[in-house]
Amino acid sequence: MPEVIRKAIFDTVLGILNRLADDWEYSGEITPSTLLVADLGLESIDVVVLGTTIQKHYNQLLPFAEFFAEIGQREVRDIRIDEFVEFIYQHLDRGQ
């Protein structure tokens, strides 16, 4: 069941990215290993918009500030789509 939920989250993120992609210069396929900054060319404000859009979609606040702060401490300051999906999966209130 967790993989079904992760797939649903991935599909949601993909759909949001595709809707927001008009502002970005990326035309390749978005896969779980796609990087938000290096591959999609997102700026930090774009990542914040993405996070806000995710929260609106799920009608739930997620600890993005802590997540982004942790990313900022890493040597490679980028986020893979699967890592983003996993963060959402771990913090999403699924009524359990």
PDB file of N, CA and C in Angstrom:
ATOM      1  N   MET A   1       0.804  -1.204   0.000  1.00  0.00           N
ATOM      2  CA  MET A   1       0.000   0.000   0.000  1.00  0.00           C
ATOM      3  C   MET A   1       0.851   1.274   0.000  1.00  0.00           C
ATOM      4  N   PRO A   2       1.970   1.318   0.744  1.00  0.00           N
ATOM      5  CA  PRO A   2       2.790   2.537   0.718  1.00  0.00           C
ATOM      6  C   PRO A   2       3.238   2.925  -0.688  1.00  0.00           C
ATOM      7  N   GLU A   3       3.532   1.936  -1.540  1.00  0.00           N
ATOM      8  CA  GLU A   3       3.970   2.258  -2.902  1.00  0.00           C
ATOM      9  C   GLU A   3       2.845   2.872  -3.725  1.00  0.00           C
ATOM     10  N   VAL A   4       1.617   2.441  -3.463  1.00  0.00           N
ATOM     11  CA  VAL A   4       0.464   3.018  -4.154  1.00  0.00           C
ATOM     12  C   VAL A   4       0.318   4.492  -3.754  1.00  0.00           C
ATOM     13  N   ILE A   5       0.504   4.770  -2.465  1.00  0.00           N
ATOM     14  CA  ILE A   5       0.407   6.152  -1.983  1.00  0.00           C
ATOM     15  C   ILE A   5       1.540   6.992  -2.558  1.00  0.00           C
ATOM     16  N   ARG A   6       2.772   6.447  -2.556  1.00  0.00           N
ATOM     17  CA  ARG A   6       3.906   7.179  -3.139  1.00  0.00           C
ATOM     18  C   ARG A   6       3.670   7.479  -4.618  1.00  0.00           C
ATOM     19  N   LYS A   7       3.117   6.516  -5.343  1.00  0.00           N
ATOM     20  CA  LYS A   7       2.825   6.710  -6.768  1.00  0.00           C
ATOM     21  C   LYS A   7       1.785   7.810  -6.947  1.00  0.00           C
ATOM     22  N   ALA A   8       0.778   7.839  -6.100  1.00  0.00           N
ATOM     23  CA  ALA A   8      -0.249   8.880  -6.171  1.00  0.00           C
ATOM     24  C   ALA A   8       0.364  10.246  -5.888  1.00  0.00           C
ATOM     25  N   ILE A   9       1.262  10.319  -4.903  1.00  0.00           N
ATOM     26  CA  ILE A   9       1.943  11.580  -4.590  1.00  0.00           C
ATOM     27  C   ILE A   9       2.817  11.998  -5.766  1.00  0.00           C
ATOM     28  N   PHE A  10       3.566  11.045  -6.346  1.00  0.00           N
ATOM     29  CA  PHE A  10       4.406  11.349  -7.508  1.00  0.00           C
ATOM     30  C   PHE A  10       3.546  11.914  -8.638  1.00  0.00           C
ATOM     31  N   ASP A  11       2.407  11.279  -8.900  1.00  0.00           N
ATOM     32  CA  ASP A  11       1.523  11.744  -9.969  1.00  0.00           C
ATOM     33  C   ASP A  11       1.013  13.160  -9.683  1.00  0.00           C
ATOM     34  N   THR A  12       0.716  13.436  -8.423  1.00  0.00           N
ATOM     35  CA  THR A  12       0.269  14.775  -8.033  1.00  0.00           C
ATOM     36  C   THR A  12       1.375  15.796  -8.263  1.00  0.00           C
ATOM     37  N   VAL A  13       2.591  15.469  -7.797  1.00  0.00           N
ATOM     38  CA  VAL A  13       3.734  16.374  -7.977  1.00  0.00           C
ATOM     39  C   VAL A  13       3.993  16.592  -9.463  1.00  0.00           C
ATOM     40  N   LEU A  14       3.955  15.526 -10.231  1.00  0.00           N
ATOM     41  CA  LEU A  14       4.169  15.614 -11.681  1.00  0.00           C
ATOM     42  C   LEU A  14       3.127  16.519 -12.330  1.00  0.00           C
ATOM     43  N   GLY A  15       1.877  16.346 -11.944  1.00  0.00           N
ATOM     44  CA  GLY A  15       0.818  17.181 -12.488  1.00  0.00           C
ATOM     45  C   GLY A  15       1.017  18.653 -12.158  1.00  0.00           C
ATOM     46  N   ILE A  16       1.411  18.936 -10.925  1.00  0.00           N
ATOM     47  CA  ILE A  16       1.664  20.319 -10.510  1.00  0.00           C
ATOM     48  C   ILE A  16       2.854  20.882 -11.268  1.00  0.00           C
ATOM     49  N   LEU A  17       3.922  20.101 -11.388  1.00  0.00           N
ATOM     50  CA  LEU A  17       5.094  20.570 -12.131  1.00  0.00           C
ATOM     51  C   LEU A  17       4.743  20.858 -13.584  1.00  0.00           C
ATOM     52  N   ASN A  18       3.935  19.997 -14.180  1.00  0.00           N
ATOM     53  CA  ASN A  18       3.538  20.215 -15.576  1.00  0.00           C
ATOM     54  C   ASN A  18       2.705  21.478 -15.735  1.00  0.00           C
ATOM     55  N   ARG A  19       1.840  21.761 -14.753  1.00  0.00           N
ATOM     56  CA  ARG A  19       1.044  22.993 -14.810  1.00  0.00           C
ATOM     57  C   ARG A  19       1.928  24.225 -14.630  1.00  0.00           C
ATOM     58  N   LEU A  20       2.938  24.113 -13.761  1.00  0.00           N
ATOM     59  CA  LEU A  20       3.822  25.241 -13.497  1.00  0.00           C
ATOM     60  C   LEU A  20       4.932  25.360 -14.538  1.00  0.00           C
ATOM     61  N   ALA A  21       5.121  24.328 -15.342  1.00  0.00           N
ATOM     62  CA  ALA A  21       6.259  24.259 -16.269  1.00  0.00           C
ATOM     63  C   ALA A  21       6.243  25.319 -17.353  1.00  0.00           C
ATOM     64  N   ASP A  22       5.108  25.944 -17.585  1.00  0.00           N
ATOM     65  CA  ASP A  22       5.054  26.992 -18.602  1.00  0.00           C
ATOM     66  C   ASP A  22       6.044  28.105 -18.314  1.00  0.00           C
ATOM     67  N   ASP A  23       6.354  28.298 -17.047  1.00  0.00           N
ATOM     68  CA  ASP A  23       7.298  29.344 -16.647  1.00  0.00           C
ATOM     69  C   ASP A  23       8.750  28.879 -16.712  1.00  0.00           C
ATOM     70  N   TRP A  24       8.963  27.592 -16.911  1.00  0.00           N
ATOM     71  CA  TRP A  24      10.305  27.046 -16.872  1.00  0.00           C
ATOM     72  C   TRP A  24      10.721  26.563 -18.248  1.00  0.00           C
ATOM     73  N   GLU A  25      12.016  26.524 -18.470  1.00  0.00           N
ATOM     74  CA  GLU A  25      12.545  26.084 -19.759  1.00  0.00           C
ATOM     75  C   GLU A  25      13.026  24.641 -19.684  1.00  0.00           C
ATOM     76  N   TYR A  26      12.094  23.726 -19.484  1.00  0.00           N
ATOM     77  CA  TYR A  26      12.429  22.306 -19.421  1.00  0.00           C
ATOM     78  C   TYR A  26      11.381  21.548 -20.210  1.00  0.00           C
ATOM     79  N   SER A  27      11.823  20.750 -21.149  1.00  0.00           N
ATOM     80  CA  SER A  27      10.872  20.016 -21.970  1.00  0.00           C
ATOM     81  C   SER A  27      11.094  18.506 -21.915  1.00  0.00           C
ATOM     82  N   GLY A  28      12.023  18.052 -21.075  1.00  0.00           N
ATOM     83  CA  GLY A  28      12.305  16.628 -20.976  1.00  0.00           C
ATOM     84  C   GLY A  28      11.283  15.906 -20.117  1.00  0.00           C
ATOM     85  N   GLU A  29      11.437  14.600 -20.021  1.00  0.00           N
ATOM     86  CA  GLU A  29      10.568  13.794 -19.182  1.00  0.00           C
ATOM     87  C   GLU A  29      10.977  13.975 -17.724  1.00  0.00           C
ATOM     88  N   ILE A  30      10.002  14.136 -16.861  1.00  0.00           N
ATOM     89  CA  ILE A  30      10.276  14.244 -15.432  1.00  0.00           C
ATOM     90  C   ILE A  30      10.155  12.850 -14.838  1.00  0.00           C
ATOM     91  N   THR A  31      11.244  12.387 -14.223  1.00  0.00           N
ATOM     92  CA  THR A  31      11.306  11.060 -13.628  1.00  0.00           C
ATOM     93  C   THR A  31      11.603  11.197 -12.133  1.00  0.00           C
ATOM     94  N   PRO A  32      11.550  10.104 -11.375  1.00  0.00           N
ATOM     95  CA  PRO A  32      11.877  10.192  -9.956  1.00  0.00           C
ATOM     96  C   PRO A  32      13.283  10.744  -9.676  1.00  0.00           C
ATOM     97  N   SER A  33      14.219  10.569 -10.594  1.00  0.00           N
ATOM     98  CA  SER A  33      15.584  11.050 -10.354  1.00  0.00           C
ATOM     99  C   SER A  33      15.839  12.464 -10.890  1.00  0.00           C
ATOM    100  N   THR A  34      14.823  13.084 -11.484  1.00  0.00           N
ATOM    101  CA  THR A  34      14.963  14.457 -11.974  1.00  0.00           C
ATOM    102  C   THR A  34      15.237  15.391 -10.804  1.00  0.00           C
ATOM    103  N   LEU A  35      16.188  16.302 -10.995  1.00  0.00           N
ATOM    104  CA  LEU A  35      16.535  17.286  -9.963  1.00  0.00           C
ATOM    105  C   LEU A  35      15.769  18.582 -10.203  1.00  0.00           C
ATOM    106  N   LEU A  36      15.239  19.151  -9.128  1.00  0.00           N
ATOM    107  CA  LEU A  36      14.439  20.366  -9.253  1.00  0.00           C
ATOM    108  C   LEU A  36      15.244  21.551  -9.759  1.00  0.00           C
ATOM    109  N   VAL A  37      16.480  21.707  -9.293  1.00  0.00           N
ATOM    110  CA  VAL A  37      17.285  22.869  -9.673  1.00  0.00           C
ATOM    111  C   VAL A  37      18.129  22.577 -10.911  1.00  0.00           C
ATOM    112  N   ALA A  38      18.959  21.549 -10.845  1.00  0.00           N
ATOM    113  CA  ALA A  38      19.897  21.268 -11.939  1.00  0.00           C
ATOM    114  C   ALA A  38      19.184  20.870 -13.237  1.00  0.00           C
ATOM    115  N   ASP A  39      18.127  20.049 -13.130  1.00  0.00           N
ATOM    116  CA  ASP A  39      17.443  19.571 -14.333  1.00  0.00           C
ATOM    117  C   ASP A  39      16.306  20.498 -14.769  1.00  0.00           C
ATOM    118  N   LEU A  40      15.431  20.841 -13.827  1.00  0.00           N
ATOM    119  CA  LEU A  40      14.270  21.653 -14.176  1.00  0.00           C
ATOM    120  C   LEU A  40      14.583  23.142 -14.214  1.00  0.00           C
ATOM    121  N   GLY A  41      15.702  23.527 -13.604  1.00  0.00           N
ATOM    122  CA  GLY A  41      16.088  24.930 -13.620  1.00  0.00           C
ATOM    123  C   GLY A  41      15.278  25.795 -12.671  1.00  0.00           C
ATOM    124  N   LEU A  42      14.678  25.180 -11.650  1.00  0.00           N
ATOM    125  CA  LEU A  42      13.887  25.952 -10.710  1.00  0.00           C
ATOM    126  C   LEU A  42      14.782  26.863  -9.877  1.00  0.00           C
ATOM    127  N   GLU A  43      14.271  28.036  -9.577  1.00  0.00           N
ATOM    128  CA  GLU A  43      14.907  28.957  -8.649  1.00  0.00           C
ATOM    129  C   GLU A  43      14.330  28.642  -7.266  1.00  0.00           C
ATOM    130  N   SER A  44      14.945  29.189  -6.229  1.00  0.00           N
ATOM    131  CA  SER A  44      14.451  28.911  -4.877  1.00  0.00           C
ATOM    132  C   SER A  44      12.996  29.337  -4.714  1.00  0.00           C
ATOM    133  N   ILE A  45      12.611  30.451  -5.317  1.00  0.00           N
ATOM    134  CA  ILE A  45      11.215  30.897  -5.215  1.00  0.00           C
ATOM    135  C   ILE A  45      10.275  29.905  -5.891  1.00  0.00           C
ATOM    136  N   ASP A  46      10.723  29.262  -6.978  1.00  0.00           N
ATOM    137  CA  ASP A  46       9.906  28.250  -7.658  1.00  0.00           C
ATOM    138  C   ASP A  46       9.675  27.046  -6.745  1.00  0.00           C
ATOM    139  N   VAL A  47      10.705  26.664  -5.998  1.00  0.00           N
ATOM    140  CA  VAL A  47      10.588  25.527  -5.082  1.00  0.00           C
ATOM    141  C   VAL A  47       9.597  25.869  -3.968  1.00  0.00           C
ATOM    142  N   VAL A  48       9.642  27.117  -3.496  1.00  0.00           N
ATOM    143  CA  VAL A  48       8.694  27.566  -2.476  1.00  0.00           C
ATOM    144  C   VAL A  48       7.265  27.535  -3.032  1.00  0.00           C
ATOM    145  N   VAL A  49       7.092  28.015  -4.266  1.00  0.00           N
ATOM    146  CA  VAL A  49       5.774  27.978  -4.913  1.00  0.00           C
ATOM    147  C   VAL A  49       5.301  26.531  -5.042  1.00  0.00           C
ATOM    148  N   LEU A  50       6.194  25.642  -5.422  1.00  0.00           N
ATOM    149  CA  LEU A  50       5.852  24.227  -5.533  1.00  0.00           C
ATOM    150  C   LEU A  50       5.376  23.686  -4.183  1.00  0.00           C
ATOM    151  N   GLY A  51       6.125  23.986  -3.132  1.00  0.00           N
ATOM    152  CA  GLY A  51       5.738  23.537  -1.792  1.00  0.00           C
ATOM    153  C   GLY A  51       4.386  24.090  -1.372  1.00  0.00           C
ATOM    154  N   THR A  52       4.157  25.365  -1.639  1.00  0.00           N
ATOM    155  CA  THR A  52       2.878  26.000  -1.307  1.00  0.00           C
ATOM    156  C   THR A  52       1.733  25.356  -2.075  1.00  0.00           C
ATOM    157  N   THR A  53       1.970  25.073  -3.337  1.00  0.00           N
ATOM    158  CA  THR A  53       0.948  24.444  -4.174  1.00  0.00           C
ATOM    159  C   THR A  53       0.626  23.039  -3.665  1.00  0.00           C
ATOM    160  N   ILE A  54       1.650  22.306  -3.246  1.00  0.00           N
ATOM    161  CA  ILE A  54       1.444  20.959  -2.674  1.00  0.00           C
ATOM    162  C   ILE A  54       0.581  21.062  -1.414  1.00  0.00           C
ATOM    163  N   GLN A  55       0.909  22.021  -0.558  1.00  0.00           N
ATOM    164  CA  GLN A  55       0.138  22.185   0.683  1.00  0.00           C
ATOM    165  C   GLN A  55      -1.318  22.534   0.387  1.00  0.00           C
ATOM    166  N   LYS A  56      -1.545  23.383  -0.593  1.00  0.00           N
ATOM    167  CA  LYS A  56      -2.917  23.724  -0.973  1.00  0.00           C
ATOM    168  C   LYS A  56      -3.642  22.504  -1.520  1.00  0.00           C
ATOM    169  N   HIS A  57      -2.933  21.725  -2.346  1.00  0.00           N
ATOM    170  CA  HIS A  57      -3.547  20.528  -2.937  1.00  0.00           C
ATOM    171  C   HIS A  57      -4.020  19.562  -1.846  1.00  0.00           C
ATOM    172  N   TYR A  58      -3.166  19.323  -0.861  1.00  0.00           N
ATOM    173  CA  TYR A  58      -3.492  18.376   0.199  1.00  0.00           C
ATOM    174  C   TYR A  58      -4.221  19.033   1.372  1.00  0.00           C
ATOM    175  N   ASN A  59      -4.394  20.365   1.313  1.00  0.00           N
ATOM    176  CA  ASN A  59      -5.051  21.110   2.381  1.00  0.00           C
ATOM    177  C   ASN A  59      -4.411  20.800   3.736  1.00  0.00           C
ATOM    178  N   GLN A  60      -3.083  20.860   3.734  1.00  0.00           N
ATOM    179  CA  GLN A  60      -2.326  20.515   4.936  1.00  0.00           C
ATOM    180  C   GLN A  60      -0.985  21.236   4.916  1.00  0.00           C
ATOM    181  N   LEU A  61      -0.584  21.751   6.077  1.00  0.00           N
ATOM    182  CA  LEU A  61       0.744  22.354   6.191  1.00  0.00           C
ATOM    183  C   LEU A  61       1.774  21.249   6.375  1.00  0.00           C
ATOM    184  N   LEU A  62       2.860  21.347   5.653  1.00  0.00           N
ATOM    185  CA  LEU A  62       3.965  20.388   5.767  1.00  0.00           C
ATOM    186  C   LEU A  62       5.209  21.162   6.195  1.00  0.00           C
ATOM    187  N   PRO A  63       6.138  20.519   6.897  1.00  0.00           N
ATOM    188  CA  PRO A  63       7.320  21.234   7.413  1.00  0.00           C
ATOM    189  C   PRO A  63       8.385  21.510   6.336  1.00  0.00           C
ATOM    190  N   PHE A  64       7.990  22.251   5.300  1.00  0.00           N
ATOM    191  CA  PHE A  64       8.919  22.544   4.210  1.00  0.00           C
ATOM    192  C   PHE A  64      10.105  23.382   4.672  1.00  0.00           C
ATOM    193  N   ALA A  65       9.901  24.288   5.636  1.00  0.00           N
ATOM    194  CA  ALA A  65      11.008  25.142   6.100  1.00  0.00           C
ATOM    195  C   ALA A  65      12.156  24.281   6.619  1.00  0.00           C
ATOM    196  N   GLU A  66      11.830  23.281   7.416  1.00  0.00           N
ATOM    197  CA  GLU A  66      12.857  22.381   7.949  1.00  0.00           C
ATOM    198  C   GLU A  66      13.494  21.556   6.839  1.00  0.00           C
ATOM    199  N   PHE A  67      12.665  21.086   5.907  1.00  0.00           N
ATOM    200  CA  PHE A  67      13.160  20.292   4.782  1.00  0.00           C
ATOM    201  C   PHE A  67      14.141  21.111   3.943  1.00  0.00           C
ATOM    202  N   PHE A  68      13.751  22.341   3.589  1.00  0.00           N
ATOM    203  CA  PHE A  68      14.612  23.187   2.777  1.00  0.00           C
ATOM    204  C   PHE A  68      15.877  23.588   3.533  1.00  0.00           C
ATOM    205  N   ALA A  69      15.763  23.788   4.848  1.00  0.00           N
ATOM    206  CA  ALA A  69      16.949  24.117   5.659  1.00  0.00           C
ATOM    207  C   ALA A  69      17.933  22.947   5.637  1.00  0.00           C
ATOM    208  N   GLU A  70      17.412  21.727   5.718  1.00  0.00           N
ATOM    209  CA  GLU A  70      18.279  20.540   5.668  1.00  0.00           C
ATOM    210  C   GLU A  70      18.951  20.432   4.304  1.00  0.00           C
ATOM    211  N   ILE A  71      18.207  20.709   3.251  1.00  0.00           N
ATOM    212  CA  ILE A  71      18.769  20.670   1.898  1.00  0.00           C
ATOM    213  C   ILE A  71      19.884  21.712   1.781  1.00  0.00           C
ATOM    214  N   GLY A  72      19.670  22.880   2.371  1.00  0.00           N
ATOM    215  CA  GLY A  72      20.650  23.960   2.324  1.00  0.00           C
ATOM    216  C   GLY A  72      21.958  23.639   3.017  1.00  0.00           C
ATOM    217  N   GLN A  73      21.941  22.661   3.912  1.00  0.00           N
ATOM    218  CA  GLN A  73      23.152  22.268   4.638  1.00  0.00           C
ATOM    219  C   GLN A  73      23.977  21.228   3.885  1.00  0.00           C
ATOM    220  N   ARG A  74      23.407  20.657   2.844  1.00  0.00           N
ATOM    221  CA  ARG A  74      24.105  19.608   2.100  1.00  0.00           C
ATOM    222  C   ARG A  74      25.088  20.211   1.108  1.00  0.00           C
ATOM    223  N   GLU A  75      26.045  19.399   0.716  1.00  0.00           N
ATOM    224  CA  GLU A  75      27.018  19.834  -0.283  1.00  0.00           C
ATOM    225  C   GLU A  75      26.321  20.113  -1.617  1.00  0.00           C
ATOM    226  N   VAL A  76      25.454  19.198  -2.030  1.00  0.00           N
ATOM    227  CA  VAL A  76      24.678  19.380  -3.257  1.00  0.00           C
ATOM    228  C   VAL A  76      23.295  19.860  -2.824  1.00  0.00           C
ATOM    229  N   ARG A  77      23.025  21.120  -3.087  1.00  0.00           N
ATOM    230  CA  ARG A  77      21.758  21.727  -2.646  1.00  0.00           C
ATOM    231  C   ARG A  77      20.701  21.600  -3.734  1.00  0.00           C
ATOM    232  N   ASP A  78      20.257  20.379  -3.908  1.00  0.00           N
ATOM    233  CA  ASP A  78      19.244  20.096  -4.913  1.00  0.00           C
ATOM    234  C   ASP A  78      18.340  18.997  -4.383  1.00  0.00           C
ATOM    235  N   ILE A  79      17.180  18.845  -4.991  1.00  0.00           N
ATOM    236  CA  ILE A  79      16.194  17.876  -4.529  1.00  0.00           C
ATOM    237  C   ILE A  79      15.743  17.023  -5.702  1.00  0.00           C
ATOM    238  N   ARG A  80      15.894  15.701  -5.564  1.00  0.00           N
ATOM    239  CA  ARG A  80      15.354  14.778  -6.553  1.00  0.00           C
ATOM    240  C   ARG A  80      13.842  14.683  -6.354  1.00  0.00           C
ATOM    241  N   ILE A  81      13.120  14.427  -7.416  1.00  0.00           N
ATOM    242  CA  ILE A  81      11.672  14.288  -7.326  1.00  0.00           C
ATOM    243  C   ILE A  81      11.295  13.185  -6.335  1.00  0.00           C
ATOM    244  N   ASP A  82      11.989  12.041  -6.383  1.00  0.00           N
ATOM    245  CA  ASP A  82      11.639  10.955  -5.461  1.00  0.00           C
ATOM    246  C   ASP A  82      11.891  11.343  -4.007  1.00  0.00           C
ATOM    247  N   GLU A  83      12.883  12.173  -3.754  1.00  0.00           N
ATOM    248  CA  GLU A  83      13.162  12.657  -2.404  1.00  0.00           C
ATOM    249  C   GLU A  83      12.039  13.603  -1.945  1.00  0.00           C
ATOM    250  N   PHE A  84      11.578  14.444  -2.858  1.00  0.00           N
ATOM    251  CA  PHE A  84      10.480  15.367  -2.583  1.00  0.00           C
ATOM    252  C   PHE A  84       9.204  14.581  -2.276  1.00  0.00           C
ATOM    253  N   VAL A  85       8.936  13.558  -3.085  1.00  0.00           N
ATOM    254  CA  VAL A  85       7.772  12.690  -2.884  1.00  0.00           C
ATOM    255  C   VAL A  85       7.870  11.980  -1.535  1.00  0.00           C
ATOM    256  N   GLU A  86       9.043  11.479  -1.202  1.00  0.00           N
ATOM    257  CA  GLU A  86       9.227  10.777   0.079  1.00  0.00           C
ATOM    258  C   GLU A  86       8.983  11.720   1.255  1.00  0.00           C
ATOM    259  N   PHE A  87       9.467  12.953   1.155  1.00  0.00           N
ATOM    260  CA  PHE A  87       9.221  13.943   2.207  1.00  0.00           C
ATOM    261  C   PHE A  87       7.714  14.140   2.395  1.00  0.00           C
ATOM    262  N   ILE A  88       6.989  14.321   1.299  1.00  0.00           N
ATOM    263  CA  ILE A  88       5.545  14.513   1.380  1.00  0.00           C
ATOM    264  C   ILE A  88       4.889  13.279   1.991  1.00  0.00           C
ATOM    265  N   TYR A  89       5.303  12.101   1.522  1.00  0.00           N
ATOM    266  CA  TYR A  89       4.754  10.833   2.044  1.00  0.00           C
ATOM    267  C   TYR A  89       4.942  10.734   3.554  1.00  0.00           C
ATOM    268  N   GLN A  90       6.138  11.066   4.035  1.00  0.00           N
ATOM    269  CA  GLN A  90       6.456  10.938   5.452  1.00  0.00           C
ATOM    270  C   GLN A  90       5.670  11.915   6.323  1.00  0.00           C
ATOM    271  N   HIS A  91       5.297  13.064   5.778  1.00  0.00           N
ATOM    272  CA  HIS A  91       4.670  14.107   6.586  1.00  0.00           C
ATOM    273  C   HIS A  91       3.179  14.324   6.309  1.00  0.00           C
ATOM    274  N   LEU A  92       2.650  13.623   5.351  1.00  0.00           N
ATOM    275  CA  LEU A  92       1.249  13.808   4.983  1.00  0.00           C
ATOM    276  C   LEU A  92       0.353  13.082   5.971  1.00  0.00           C
ATOM    277  N   ASP A  93      -0.618  13.790   6.493  1.00  0.00           N
ATOM    278  CA  ASP A  93      -1.607  13.168   7.371  1.00  0.00           C
ATOM    279  C   ASP A  93      -2.577  12.401   6.491  1.00  0.00           C
ATOM    280  N   ARG A  94      -2.470  11.101   6.559  1.00  0.00           N
ATOM    281  CA  ARG A  94      -3.312  10.262   5.702  1.00  0.00           C
ATOM    282  C   ARG A  94      -4.497   9.686   6.484  1.00  0.00           C
ATOM    283  N   GLY A  95      -4.853  10.397   7.578  1.00  0.00           N
ATOM    284  CA  GLY A  95      -6.000   9.965   8.368  1.00  0.00           C
ATOM    285  C   GLY A  95      -5.735   8.727   9.191  1.00  0.00           C
ATOM    286  N   GLN A  96      -4.474   8.479   9.502  1.00  0.00           N
ATOM    287  CA  GLN A  96      -4.138   7.268  10.280  1.00  0.00           C
ATOM    288  C   GLN A  96      -4.053   7.589  11.752  1.00  0.00           C
TER     289      GLN A  96
END
